[in-house]
C-alpha atoms as a PDB file:
ATOM      1  CA  UNK A   1       1.721   4.441  15.798  1.00  0.00           C
ATOM      2  CA  UNK A   2       0.250   7.602  14.434  1.00  0.00           C
ATOM      3  CA  UNK A   3      -0.785  10.790  16.257  1.00  0.00           C
ATOM      4  CA  UNK A   4      -3.761  12.577  14.880  1.00  0.00           C
ATOM      5  CA  UNK A   5      -3.674  16.314  15.641  1.00  0.00           C
ATOM      6  CA  UNK A   6      -6.864  18.391  16.165  1.00  0.00           C
ATOM      7  CA  UNK A   7      -8.231  20.546  13.343  1.00  0.00           C
ATOM      8  CA  UNK A   8      -7.297  23.657  15.298  1.00  0.00           C
ATOM      9  CA  UNK A   9      -3.993  22.493  16.520  1.00  0.00           C
ATOM     10  CA  UNK A  10      -1.388  25.215  16.133  1.00  0.00           C
ATOM     11  CA  UNK A  11       2.023  24.835  14.400  1.00  0.00           C
ATOM     12  CA  UNK A  12       3.507  25.162  17.906  1.00  0.00           C
ATOM     13  CA  UNK A  13       1.426  22.253  19.151  1.00  0.00           C
ATOM     14  CA  UNK A  14       2.482  20.157  16.133  1.00  0.00           C
ATOM     15  CA  UNK A  15       6.180  20.998  16.757  1.00  0.00           C
ATOM     16  CA  UNK A  16       5.912  20.341  20.422  1.00  0.00           C
ATOM     17  CA  UNK A  17       4.415  16.815  19.922  1.00  0.00           C
ATOM     18  CA  UNK A  18       6.931  16.043  17.161  1.00  0.00           C
ATOM     19  CA  UNK A  19       9.916  17.060  19.516  1.00  0.00           C
ATOM     20  CA  UNK A  20       8.492  14.819  22.246  1.00  0.00           C
ATOM     21  CA  UNK A  21       8.391  11.829  19.831  1.00  0.00           C
ATOM     22  CA  UNK A  22      11.954  12.443  18.937  1.00  0.00           C
ATOM     23  CA  UNK A  23      12.878  12.575  22.582  1.00  0.00           C
ATOM     24  CA  UNK A  24      11.265   9.197  22.996  1.00  0.00           C
ATOM     25  CA  UNK A  25      13.657   7.849  20.470  1.00  0.00           C
ATOM     26  CA  UNK A  26      11.621   7.725  17.242  1.00  0.00           C
ATOM     27  CA  UNK A  27      11.980   9.316  13.861  1.00  0.00           C
ATOM     28  CA  UNK A  28       8.860  11.181  12.737  1.00  0.00           C
ATOM     29  CA  UNK A  29       6.987  11.814   9.480  1.00  0.00           C
ATOM     30  CA  UNK A  30       4.516  14.554   9.125  1.00  0.00           C
ATOM     31  CA  UNK A  31       1.578  14.138   6.787  1.00  0.00           C
ATOM     32  CA  UNK A  32      -0.331  17.438   6.466  1.00  0.00           C
ATOM     33  CA  UNK A  33      -3.803  16.960   4.938  1.00  0.00           C
ATOM     34  CA  UNK A  34      -6.372  19.697   4.157  1.00  0.00           C
ATOM     35  CA  UNK A  35      -7.960  19.454   7.730  1.00  0.00           C
ATOM     36  CA  UNK A  36      -5.442  17.615   9.986  1.00  0.00           C
ATOM     37  CA  UNK A  37      -1.816  16.912  10.481  1.00  0.00           C
ATOM     38  CA  UNK A  38      -0.777  13.315  11.282  1.00  0.00           C
ATOM     39  CA  UNK A  39       2.428  12.542  12.922  1.00  0.00           C
ATOM     40  CA  UNK A  40       3.873   9.129  12.299  1.00  0.00           C
ATOM     41  CA  UNK A  41       6.329   7.331  14.639  1.00  0.00           C
ATOM     42  CA  UNK A  42       8.989   5.347  12.951  1.00  0.00           C
ATOM     43  CA  UNK A  43      10.502   2.762  15.278  1.00  0.00           C
ATOM     44  CA  UNK A  44       9.548   0.107  17.855  1.00  0.00           C
ATOM     45  CA  UNK A  45       6.429   1.591  19.475  1.00  0.00           C
ATOM     46  CA  UNK A  46       5.711  -1.244  21.966  1.00  0.00           C
ATOM     47  CA  UNK A  47       7.438   0.429  25.078  1.00  0.00           C
ATOM     48  CA  UNK A  48       5.706   3.761  24.580  1.00  0.00           C
ATOM     49  CA  UNK A  49       2.928   4.773  27.006  1.00  0.00           C
ATOM     50  CA  UNK A  50       0.633   6.293  24.351  1.00  0.00           C
ATOM     51  CA  UNK A  51      -1.709   7.789  26.922  1.00  0.00           C
ATOM     52  CA  UNK A  52       0.894  10.409  27.799  1.00  0.00           C
ATOM     53  CA  UNK A  53       1.058  11.448  24.191  1.00  0.00           C
ATOM     54  CA  UNK A  54      -2.706  11.593  23.873  1.00  0.00           C
ATOM     55  CA  UNK A  55      -2.830  13.989  26.719  1.00  0.00           C
ATOM     56  CA  UNK A  56      -0.596  16.647  25.024  1.00  0.00           C
ATOM     57  CA  UNK A  57      -2.010  19.958  23.760  1.00  0.00           C
ATOM     58  CA  UNK A  58      -3.412  19.735  20.264  1.00  0.00           C
ATOM     59  CA  UNK A  59      -3.694  15.974  20.060  1.00  0.00           C
ATOM     60  CA  UNK A  60      -6.978  14.523  19.088  1.00  0.00           C
ATOM     61  CA  UNK A  61      -6.087  10.811  19.279  1.00  0.00           C
ATOM     62  CA  UNK A  62      -3.207   8.248  19.105  1.00  0.00           C
ATOM     63  CA  UNK A  63      -3.713   5.117  17.017  1.00  0.00           C
ATOM     64  CA  UNK A  64      -1.670   2.028  16.728  1.00  0.00           C
ATOM     65  CA  UNK A  65      -1.046   1.125  13.054  1.00  0.00           C
ATOM     66  CA  UNK A  66      -1.502  -2.657  12.738  1.00  0.00           C
ATOM     67  CA  UNK A  67       0.138  -3.205   9.430  1.00  0.00           C
ATOM     68  CA  UNK A  68       3.911  -3.550   9.465  1.00  0.00           C
ATOM     69  CA  UNK A  69       4.059  -1.112   6.502  1.00  0.00           C
ATOM     70  CA  UNK A  70       3.321   1.885   8.622  1.00  0.00           C
ATOM     71  CA  UNK A  71       4.379   4.613   6.135  1.00  0.00           C
ATOM     72  CA  UNK A  72       2.789   2.906   3.068  1.00  0.00           C
ATOM     73  CA  UNK A  73      -0.480   2.405   5.019  1.00  0.00           C
ATOM     74  CA  UNK A  74      -3.710   4.359   4.349  1.00  0.00           C
ATOM     75  CA  UNK A  75      -4.039   4.438   8.137  1.00  0.00           C
ATOM     76  CA  UNK A  76      -0.990   6.650   8.147  1.00  0.00           C
ATOM     77  CA  UNK A  77      -1.936   8.776   5.085  1.00  0.00           C
ATOM     78  CA  UNK A  78      -5.564   8.549   4.008  1.00  0.00           C
ATOM     79  CA  UNK A  79      -5.073  10.924   0.946  1.00  0.00           C
ATOM     80  CA  UNK A  80      -3.556   9.545  -2.294  1.00  0.00           C
ATOM     81  CA  UNK A  81       0.064  10.334  -2.814  1.00  0.00           C
ATOM     82  CA  UNK A  82       0.446  12.284  -6.031  1.00  0.00           C
ATOM     83  CA  UNK A  83       3.870  12.255  -7.792  1.00  0.00           C
ATOM     84  CA  UNK A  84       4.538  15.049 -10.236  1.00  0.00           C
ATOM     85  CA  UNK A  85       7.097  14.566 -13.086  1.00  0.00           C
ATOM     86  CA  UNK A  86       7.549  17.396 -15.598  1.00  0.00           C
ATOM     87  CA  UNK A  87       3.922  18.358 -15.218  1.00  0.00           C
ATOM     88  CA  UNK A  88       2.535  14.804 -15.279  1.00  0.00           C
ATOM     89  CA  UNK A  89       0.697  13.939 -11.996  1.00  0.00           C
ATOM     90  CA  UNK A  90       0.753  10.184 -11.233  1.00  0.00           C
ATOM     91  CA  UNK A  91      -1.840   9.113  -8.719  1.00  0.00           C
ATOM     92  CA  UNK A  92      -4.310  11.835  -9.534  1.00  0.00           C
ATOM     93  CA  UNK A  93      -7.342  11.781 -11.857  1.00  0.00           C
ATOM     94  CA  UNK A  94      -5.325  11.068 -15.053  1.00  0.00           C
ATOM     95  CA  UNK A  95      -4.315   7.547 -15.937  1.00  0.00           C
ATOM     96  CA  UNK A  96      -0.659   7.837 -16.901  1.00  0.00           C
ATOM     97  CA  UNK A  97       0.908   5.670 -19.652  1.00  0.00           C
ATOM     98  CA  UNK A  98       4.606   4.899 -19.847  1.00  0.00           C
ATOM     99  CA  UNK A  99       5.676   3.267 -23.109  1.00  0.00           C
ATOM    100  CA  UNK A 100       8.768   2.071 -24.844  1.00  0.00           C
ATOM    101  CA  UNK A 101      10.990  -0.876 -25.640  1.00  0.00           C
ATOM    102  CA  UNK A 102      12.187  -3.481 -23.232  1.00  0.00           C
ATOM    103  CA  UNK A 103      15.817  -2.552 -24.093  1.00  0.00           C
ATOM    104  CA  UNK A 104      17.497   0.381 -25.695  1.00  0.00           C
ATOM    105  CA  UNK A 105      19.107  -0.861 -28.778  1.00  0.00           C
ATOM    106  CA  UNK A 106      20.245   2.071 -30.786  1.00  0.00           C
ATOM    107  CA  UNK A 107      19.309   5.778 -31.500  1.00  0.00           C
ATOM    108  CA  UNK A 108      17.194   5.228 -34.605  1.00  0.00           C
ATOM    109  CA  UNK A 109      15.044   2.659 -32.762  1.00  0.00           C
ATOM    110  CA  UNK A 110      14.512   4.962 -29.822  1.00  0.00           C
ATOM    111  CA  UNK A 111      13.862   8.004 -31.924  1.00  0.00           C
ATOM    112  CA  UNK A 112      11.209   6.224 -33.949  1.00  0.00           C
ATOM    113  CA  UNK A 113       9.476   4.962 -30.743  1.00  0.00           C
ATOM    114  CA  UNK A 114       9.736   8.310 -28.898  1.00  0.00           C
ATOM    115  CA  UNK A 115       8.203  10.142 -31.764  1.00  0.00           C
ATOM    116  CA  UNK A 116       5.371   7.741 -32.191  1.00  0.00           C
ATOM    117  CA  UNK A 117       4.375   7.489 -28.521  1.00  0.00           C
ATOM    118  CA  UNK A 118       4.624  11.330 -28.235  1.00  0.00           C
ATOM    119  CA  UNK A 119       2.075  11.578 -30.959  1.00  0.00           C
ATOM    120  CA  UNK A 120      -0.379   9.340 -29.008  1.00  0.00           C
ATOM    121  CA  UNK A 121      -0.184  11.626 -25.953  1.00  0.00           C
ATOM    122  CA  UNK A 122       2.273   9.556 -23.870  1.00  0.00           C
ATOM    123  CA  UNK A 123       4.581  11.790 -21.731  1.00  0.00           C
ATOM    124  CA  UNK A 124       6.923   9.085 -20.267  1.00  0.00           C
ATOM    125  CA  UNK A 125       9.382   6.903 -22.284  1.00  0.00           C
ATOM    126  CA  UNK A 126      10.496   3.596 -20.825  1.00  0.00           C
ATOM    127  CA  UNK A 127      13.628   1.729 -21.983  1.00  0.00           C
ATOM    128  CA  UNK A 128      16.110  -0.480 -20.375  1.00  0.00           C
ATOM    129  CA  UNK A 129      19.877   0.393 -20.341  1.00  0.00           C
ATOM    130  CA  UNK A 130      20.837  -2.260 -17.971  1.00  0.00           C
ATOM    131  CA  UNK A 131      18.975  -5.636 -18.433  1.00  0.00           C
ATOM    132  CA  UNK A 132      18.759  -8.295 -15.841  1.00  0.00           C
ATOM    133  CA  UNK A 133      18.190 -11.438 -18.043  1.00  0.00           C
ATOM    134  CA  UNK A 134      17.526 -15.038 -17.087  1.00  0.00           C
ATOM    135  CA  UNK A 135      20.303 -16.239 -19.425  1.00  0.00           C
ATOM    136  CA  UNK A 136      23.793 -14.761 -19.106  1.00  0.00           C
ATOM    137  CA  UNK A 137      24.133 -15.098 -22.926  1.00  0.00           C
ATOM    138  CA  UNK A 138      21.175 -12.887 -23.678  1.00  0.00           C
ATOM    139  CA  UNK A 139      21.575  -9.171 -24.493  1.00  0.00           C
ATOM    140  CA  UNK A 140      22.463  -7.267 -21.202  1.00  0.00           C
ATOM    141  CA  UNK A 141      21.781  -3.780 -22.432  1.00  0.00           C
ATOM    142  CA  UNK A 142      24.039  -0.806 -23.525  1.00  0.00           C
ATOM    143  CA  UNK A 143      24.697   0.440 -20.135  1.00  0.00           C
ATOM    144  CA  UNK A 144      25.787   4.022 -19.927  1.00  0.00           C
ATOM    145  CA  UNK A 145      25.430   4.522 -23.753  1.00  0.00           C
ATOM    146  CA  UNK A 146      21.816   3.456 -23.375  1.00  0.00           C
ATOM    147  CA  UNK A 147      21.292   6.002 -20.612  1.00  0.00           C
ATOM    148  CA  UNK A 148      22.783   8.688 -22.906  1.00  0.00           C
ATOM    149  CA  UNK A 149      20.417   7.782 -25.662  1.00  0.00           C
ATOM    150  CA  UNK A 150      17.439   8.040 -23.354  1.00  0.00           C
ATOM    151  CA  UNK A 151      18.533  11.483 -22.218  1.00  0.00           C
ATOM    152  CA  UNK A 152      18.778  12.600 -25.841  1.00  0.00           C
ATOM    153  CA  UNK A 153      15.241  11.417 -26.400  1.00  0.00           C
ATOM    154  CA  UNK A 154      14.058  13.450 -23.389  1.00  0.00           C
ATOM    155  CA  UNK A 155      15.705  16.671 -24.808  1.00  0.00           C
ATOM    156  CA  UNK A 156      14.388  16.088 -28.363  1.00  0.00           C
ATOM    157  CA  UNK A 157      10.797  15.111 -27.543  1.00  0.00           C
ATOM    158  CA  UNK A 158      10.237  16.379 -24.002  1.00  0.00           C
ATOM    159  CA  UNK A 159       9.514  12.905 -22.524  1.00  0.00           C
ATOM    160  CA  UNK A 160      10.336  11.882 -18.964  1.00  0.00           C
ATOM    161  CA  UNK A 161      12.539   8.749 -18.647  1.00  0.00           C
ATOM    162  CA  UNK A 162      11.903   5.604 -16.556  1.00  0.00           C
ATOM    163  CA  UNK A 163      14.685   3.096 -16.665  1.00  0.00           C
ATOM    164  CA  UNK A 164      15.867   0.245 -14.415  1.00  0.00           C
ATOM    165  CA  UNK A 165      18.616   0.353 -11.842  1.00  0.00           C
ATOM    166  CA  UNK A 166      20.062  -3.084 -10.785  1.00  0.00           C
ATOM    167  CA  UNK A 167      22.639  -2.413  -8.033  1.00  0.00           C
ATOM    168  CA  UNK A 168      23.324   0.131  -5.346  1.00  0.00           C
ATOM    169  CA  UNK A 169      26.586   1.162  -7.007  1.00  0.00           C
ATOM    170  CA  UNK A 170      24.618   2.069 -10.186  1.00  0.00           C
ATOM    171  CA  UNK A 171      22.238   4.480  -8.435  1.00  0.00           C
ATOM    172  CA  UNK A 172      24.248   7.667  -8.698  1.00  0.00           C
ATOM    173  CA  UNK A 173      24.883   6.950 -12.493  1.00  0.00           C
ATOM    174  CA  UNK A 174      21.292   6.029 -13.364  1.00  0.00           C
ATOM    175  CA  UNK A 175      19.937   8.968 -11.237  1.00  0.00           C
ATOM    176  CA  UNK A 176      21.868  11.437 -13.426  1.00  0.00           C
ATOM    177  CA  UNK A 177      19.769  10.437 -16.474  1.00  0.00           C
ATOM    178  CA  UNK A 178      16.432   9.048 -15.214  1.00  0.00           C
ATOM    179  CA  UNK A 179      13.398  10.886 -14.035  1.00  0.00           C
ATOM    180  CA  UNK A 180      12.042   7.634 -12.492  1.00  0.00           C
ATOM    181  CA  UNK A 181      14.202   4.792 -11.224  1.00  0.00           C
ATOM    182  CA  UNK A 182      12.702   1.337 -11.768  1.00  0.00           C
ATOM    183  CA  UNK A 183      13.319  -1.444  -9.393  1.00  0.00           C
ATOM    184  CA  UNK A 184      12.777  -4.650 -11.224  1.00  0.00           C
ATOM    185  CA  UNK A 185      10.896  -7.800  -9.980  1.00  0.00           C
ATOM    186  CA  UNK A 186      14.122  -9.641  -9.397  1.00  0.00           C
ATOM    187  CA  UNK A 187      15.329  -6.858  -7.056  1.00  0.00           C
ATOM    188  CA  UNK A 188      12.118  -6.221  -5.121  1.00  0.00           C
ATOM    189  CA  UNK A 189      13.906  -7.548  -1.994  1.00  0.00           C
ATOM    190  CA  UNK A 190      17.378  -6.262  -2.747  1.00  0.00           C
ATOM    191  CA  UNK A 191      17.419  -4.247   0.479  1.00  0.00           C
ATOM    192  CA  UNK A 192      20.768  -2.512  -0.216  1.00  0.00           C
ATOM    193  CA  UNK A 193      19.310  -1.205  -3.500  1.00  0.00           C
ATOM    194  CA  UNK A 194      16.089  -0.191  -1.760  1.00  0.00           C
ATOM    195  CA  UNK A 195      18.135   1.666   0.830  1.00  0.00           C
ATOM    196  CA  UNK A 196      20.120   3.466  -1.909  1.00  0.00           C
ATOM    197  CA  UNK A 197      17.065   4.693  -3.834  1.00  0.00           C
ATOM    198  CA  UNK A 198      15.426   5.622  -0.568  1.00  0.00           C
ATOM    199  CA  UNK A 199      18.111   8.292   0.058  1.00  0.00           C
ATOM    200  CA  UNK A 200      17.343   9.939  -3.282  1.00  0.00           C
ATOM    201  CA  UNK A 201      14.757  12.714  -3.961  1.00  0.00           C
ATOM    202  CA  UNK A 202      13.583  10.980  -7.176  1.00  0.00           C
ATOM    203  CA  UNK A 203      10.479   8.950  -7.932  1.00  0.00           C
ATOM    204  CA  UNK A 204      10.910   5.134  -7.701  1.00  0.00           C
ATOM    205  CA  UNK A 205       8.812   2.471  -9.623  1.00  0.00           C
ATOM    206  CA  UNK A 206       8.903  -0.597  -7.520  1.00  0.00           C
ATOM    207  CA  UNK A 207       7.844  -3.766  -9.276  1.00  0.00           C
ATOM    208  CA  UNK A 208       6.304  -6.704  -7.483  1.00  0.00           C
ATOM    209  CA  UNK A 209       8.446  -9.760  -7.367  1.00  0.00           C
ATOM    210  CA  UNK A 210       7.266 -12.767  -9.474  1.00  0.00           C
ATOM    211  CA  UNK A 211       6.667 -14.829  -6.300  1.00  0.00           C
ATOM    212  CA  UNK A 212       6.065 -12.032  -3.721  1.00  0.00           C
ATOM    213  CA  UNK A 213       2.827 -11.410  -1.739  1.00  0.00           C
ATOM    214  CA  UNK A 214       1.147  -8.063  -1.692  1.00  0.00           C
ATOM    215  CA  UNK A 215       2.387  -7.551   1.883  1.00  0.00           C
ATOM    216  CA  UNK A 216       5.949  -8.325   0.785  1.00  0.00           C
ATOM    217  CA  UNK A 217       5.665  -5.703  -1.904  1.00  0.00           C
ATOM    218  CA  UNK A 218       4.426  -3.183   0.656  1.00  0.00           C
ATOM    219  CA  UNK A 219       7.250  -3.966   3.025  1.00  0.00           C
ATOM    220  CA  UNK A 220       9.694  -3.370   0.219  1.00  0.00           C
ATOM    221  CA  UNK A 221       8.096   0.001  -0.395  1.00  0.00           C
ATOM    222  CA  UNK A 222       8.379   0.655   3.363  1.00  0.00           C
ATOM    223  CA  UNK A 223      12.209   0.302   3.120  1.00  0.00           C
ATOM    224  CA  UNK A 224      12.303   3.122   0.584  1.00  0.00           C
ATOM    225  CA  UNK A 225       9.867   5.307   2.425  1.00  0.00           C
ATOM    226  CA  UNK A 226      11.653   4.742   5.746  1.00  0.00           C
ATOM    227  CA  UNK A 227      14.850   6.243   4.254  1.00  0.00           C
ATOM    228  CA  UNK A 228      13.031   9.498   3.410  1.00  0.00           C
ATOM    229  CA  UNK A 229      11.975   9.059  -0.236  1.00  0.00           C
ATOM    230  CA  UNK A 230       8.175   9.193  -0.386  1.00  0.00           C
ATOM    231  CA  UNK A 231       7.869   9.211  -4.150  1.00  0.00           C
ATOM    232  CA  UNK A 232       7.138   5.607  -4.604  1.00  0.00           C
ATOM    233  CA  UNK A 233       4.870   3.821  -7.163  1.00  0.00           C
ATOM    234  CA  UNK A 234       3.987   0.173  -6.894  1.00  0.00           C
ATOM    235  CA  UNK A 235       3.834  -1.963 -10.039  1.00  0.00           C
ATOM    236  CA  UNK A 236       1.814  -5.132 -10.472  1.00  0.00           C
ATOM    237  CA  UNK A 237       3.498  -7.140 -13.314  1.00  0.00           C
ATOM    238  CA  UNK A 238       2.135 -10.581 -12.882  1.00  0.00           C
ATOM    239  CA  UNK A 239       3.209 -13.443 -10.480  1.00  0.00           C
ATOM    240  CA  UNK A 240       4.438 -16.911 -11.293  1.00  0.00           C
ATOM    241  CA  UNK A 241       1.798 -19.589 -10.984  1.00  0.00           C
ATOM    242  CA  UNK A 242       1.230 -23.129 -12.332  1.00  0.00           C
ATOM    243  CA  UNK A 243      -0.262 -21.668 -15.547  1.00  0.00           C
ATOM    244  CA  UNK A 244       2.019 -21.975 -18.534  1.00  0.00           C
ATOM    245  CA  UNK A 245      -0.022 -20.499 -21.427  1.00  0.00           C
ATOM    246  CA  UNK A 246       1.013 -16.987 -20.276  1.00  0.00           C
ATOM    247  CA  UNK A 247       4.495 -15.805 -19.137  1.00  0.00           C
ATOM    248  CA  UNK A 248       2.946 -14.829 -15.675  1.00  0.00           C
ATOM    249  CA  UNK A 249      -0.483 -14.518 -14.143  1.00  0.00           C
ATOM    250  CA  UNK A 250      -1.515 -10.966 -14.052  1.00  0.00           C
ATOM    251  CA  UNK A 251      -2.991 -10.390 -10.646  1.00  0.00           C
ATOM    252  CA  UNK A 252      -5.882  -7.935 -11.357  1.00  0.00           C
ATOM    253  CA  UNK A 253      -7.055  -8.313  -7.700  1.00  0.00           C
ATOM    254  CA  UNK A 254      -3.846  -6.676  -6.517  1.00  0.00           C
ATOM    255  CA  UNK A 255      -4.875  -3.286  -8.034  1.00  0.00           C
ATOM    256  CA  UNK A 256      -7.979  -2.558  -6.112  1.00  0.00           C
ATOM    257  CA  UNK A 257      -6.444  -4.284  -3.048  1.00  0.00           C
ATOM    258  CA  UNK A 258      -3.424  -2.099  -3.119  1.00  0.00           C
ATOM    259  CA  UNK A 259      -5.560   0.930  -3.620  1.00  0.00           C
ATOM    260  CA  UNK A 260      -7.384   0.105  -0.435  1.00  0.00           C
ATOM    261  CA  UNK A 261      -4.252  -0.647   1.598  1.00  0.00           C
ATOM    262  CA  UNK A 262      -1.894   2.117   0.475  1.00  0.00           C
ATOM    263  CA  UNK A 263      -1.845   5.677  -0.525  1.00  0.00           C
ATOM    264  CA  UNK A 264       0.874   5.065  -3.078  1.00  0.00           C
ATOM    265  CA  UNK A 265       0.108   5.149  -6.847  1.00  0.00           C
ATOM    266  CA  UNK A 266      -0.424   1.764  -8.488  1.00  0.00           C
ATOM    267  CA  UNK A 267       0.889   1.030 -11.926  1.00  0.00           C
ATOM    268  CA  UNK A 268       0.031  -1.978 -14.031  1.00  0.00           C
ATOM    269  CA  UNK A 269       2.496  -3.853 -16.464  1.00  0.00           C
ATOM    270  CA  UNK A 270       0.420  -5.895 -18.766  1.00  0.00           C
ATOM    271  CA  UNK A 271       3.401  -6.711 -21.033  1.00  0.00           C
ATOM    272  CA  UNK A 272       5.293  -8.708 -18.452  1.00  0.00           C
ATOM    273  CA  UNK A 273       1.930  -9.798 -16.870  1.00  0.00           C
ATOM    274  CA  UNK A 274       0.904 -11.752 -19.936  1.00  0.00           C
ATOM    275  CA  UNK A 275       4.050 -12.119 -22.048  1.00  0.00           C
ATOM    276  CA  UNK A 276       1.925 -12.119 -25.268  1.00  0.00           C
ATOM    277  CA  UNK A 277       1.381  -9.060 -27.220  1.00  0.00           C
ATOM    278  CA  UNK A 278      -2.231 -10.082 -28.268  1.00  0.00           C
ATOM    279  CA  UNK A 279      -3.240 -10.110 -24.673  1.00  0.00           C
ATOM    280  CA  UNK A 280      -1.751  -6.760 -23.606  1.00  0.00           C
ATOM    281  CA  UNK A 281      -4.700  -4.696 -24.873  1.00  0.00           C
ATOM    282  CA  UNK A 282      -7.454  -6.519 -23.051  1.00  0.00           C
ATOM    283  CA  UNK A 283      -5.373  -6.618 -19.842  1.00  0.00           C
ATOM    284  CA  UNK A 284      -4.467  -2.976 -20.082  1.00  0.00           C
ATOM    285  CA  UNK A 285      -8.100  -2.005 -20.285  1.00  0.00           C
ATOM    286  CA  UNK A 286      -9.014  -4.291 -17.365  1.00  0.00           C
ATOM    287  CA  UNK A 287      -6.264  -2.694 -15.188  1.00  0.00           C
ATOM    288  CA  UNK A 288      -7.597   0.783 -15.904  1.00  0.00           C
ATOM    289  CA  UNK A 289     -11.138  -0.346 -15.070  1.00  0.00           C
ATOM    290  CA  UNK A 290      -9.763  -1.903 -11.772  1.00  0.00           C
ATOM    291  CA  UNK A 291      -8.398   1.443 -10.737  1.00  0.00           C
ATOM    292  CA  UNK A 292      -4.733   1.451 -11.874  1.00  0.00           C
ATOM    293  CA  UNK A 293      -3.141   4.973 -11.812  1.00  0.00           C
ATOM    294  CA  UNK A 294      -0.960   4.085 -14.778  1.00  0.00           C
ATOM    295  CA  UNK A 295       0.370   1.506 -17.236  1.00  0.00           C
ATOM    296  CA  UNK A 296       3.817   0.655 -18.371  1.00  0.00           C
ATOM    297  CA  UNK A 297       3.674  -0.967 -21.824  1.00  0.00           C
ATOM    298  CA  UNK A 298       6.344  -2.353 -24.118  1.00  0.00           C
ATOM    299  CA  UNK A 299       6.271  -1.210 -27.717  1.00  0.00           C
ATOM    300  CA  UNK A 300       8.782  -1.743 -30.579  1.00  0.00           C
ATOM    301  CA  UNK A 301       8.778  -0.899 -34.320  1.00  0.00           C
ATOM    302  CA  UNK A 302       9.875  -4.379 -35.196  1.00  0.00           C
ATOM    303  CA  UNK A 303       9.110  -6.894 -32.403  1.00  0.00           C
ATOM    304  CA  UNK A 304      10.320  -9.919 -34.413  1.00  0.00           C
ATOM    305  CA  UNK A 305      13.841  -8.298 -34.416  1.00  0.00           C
ATOM    306  CA  UNK A 306      13.738  -6.973 -30.787  1.00  0.00           C
ATOM    307  CA  UNK A 307      16.814  -7.898 -28.652  1.00  0.00           C
ATOM    308  CA  UNK A 308      14.634  -8.316 -25.648  1.00  0.00           C
ATOM    309  CA  UNK A 309      10.944  -9.389 -24.993  1.00  0.00           C
ATOM    310  CA  UNK A 310       9.675  -9.074 -28.545  1.00  0.00           C
ATOM    311  CA  UNK A 311       6.836 -11.503 -27.959  1.00  0.00           C
ATOM    312  CA  UNK A 312       5.065  -9.097 -25.527  1.00  0.00           C
ATOM    313  CA  UNK A 313       5.841  -5.832 -27.470  1.00  0.00           C
ATOM    314  CA  UNK A 314       3.135  -4.020 -29.284  1.00  0.00           C
ATOM    315  CA  UNK A 315       3.768  -2.623 -32.745  1.00  0.00           C
ATOM    316  CA  UNK A 316       3.527   1.189 -32.979  1.00  0.00           C
ATOM    317  CA  UNK A 317       0.199   1.185 -34.816  1.00  0.00           C
ATOM    318  CA  UNK A 318      -1.299  -1.291 -32.363  1.00  0.00           C
ATOM    319  CA  UNK A 319      -0.190   0.800 -29.485  1.00  0.00           C
ATOM    320  CA  UNK A 320      -1.837   3.963 -31.023  1.00  0.00           C
ATOM    321  CA  UNK A 321      -5.044   2.025 -31.429  1.00  0.00           C
ATOM    322  CA  UNK A 322      -4.888   0.760 -27.796  1.00  0.00           C
ATOM    323  CA  UNK A 323      -4.466   4.370 -26.606  1.00  0.00           C
ATOM    324  CA  UNK A 324      -7.790   5.175 -28.119  1.00  0.00           C
ATOM    325  CA  UNK A 325      -9.536   2.243 -26.404  1.00  0.00           C
ATOM    326  CA  UNK A 326      -7.921   3.135 -23.041  1.00  0.00           C
ATOM    327  CA  UNK A 327      -9.220   6.720 -23.144  1.00  0.00           C
ATOM    328  CA  UNK A 328     -12.730   5.297 -23.612  1.00  0.00           C
ATOM    329  CA  UNK A 329     -12.321   3.016 -20.504  1.00  0.00           C
ATOM    330  CA  UNK A 330     -10.811   5.838 -18.443  1.00  0.00           C
ATOM    331  CA  UNK A 331     -13.706   8.159 -19.332  1.00  0.00           C
ATOM    332  CA  UNK A 332     -16.299   5.503 -18.472  1.00  0.00           C
ATOM    333  CA  UNK A 333     -14.960   5.324 -14.877  1.00  0.00           C
ATOM    334  CA  UNK A 334     -14.539   9.053 -14.432  1.00  0.00           C
ATOM    335  CA  UNK A 335     -10.863   9.484 -15.121  1.00  0.00           C
ATOM    336  CA  UNK A 336      -8.762  10.827 -18.013  1.00  0.00           C
ATOM    337  CA  UNK A 337      -5.865   9.450 -20.080  1.00  0.00           C
END
């Protein structure tokens, strides 16, 4: 349920209604737009006599929010959420690119990549320190050493850092180093982990599970939002279908659909979505044209020697060329990159 306050509602009116909502046993979330304030009720709204709330001073109307994902819904917050990270605004007019290797391997690798992507205009470096792999015998990441290398790249090149956190007990450590905490596809419904990042005041990049519906993705976002962290980005990274020619099936439908359902920024991952480097460029451009607020792309100086996901990683010159093409697409739809 949401309470829409009148344009001329005073701050006292707003606080009075919010206090009444708390007395009824709910938690509240205030969304202050340019013209109106909206008060969201978090909890089981079925026993509430909404007419008594509608009669309070300053209230314009009370609406029942039908989707289960109340806080993530556009009904609750019509304006786009914009997340600011070191001057980069995600969810605004600019399409933001995050780039880097699947896994942090060593300092020379990361320095070469960081310098190259910085020169193309990228402001956010991705890299995995902890790697959830299908096989227990595959490279699992450098752990804390990888985080330290990422932090060094941030200091040297002025890049923000996005990296994955895999378990609730890792959250405090990863949060010391990362600017954005990534929840991987395999952990989309790891509710203890969602709870833990929900208690942080740091942006979270939530990836769609490989067999998850759009509503399940939004409900996972709701877990984070309901614990007080409203800096959440949704990531479409492809779903598993019967098709075997690509690693996953990139769901381009999900981008405009999510943009209509939620105020949260939507990021596209064409690298995992296709699993093939030669498809990444075309799908990246399609995602921008479909309305994505950003891209997360895997790059590597020597993909054939990569310890993780080399087959879907772009070489540095190919990535630079792609950035030029992406700018043309963004400009064509009235955005920047």
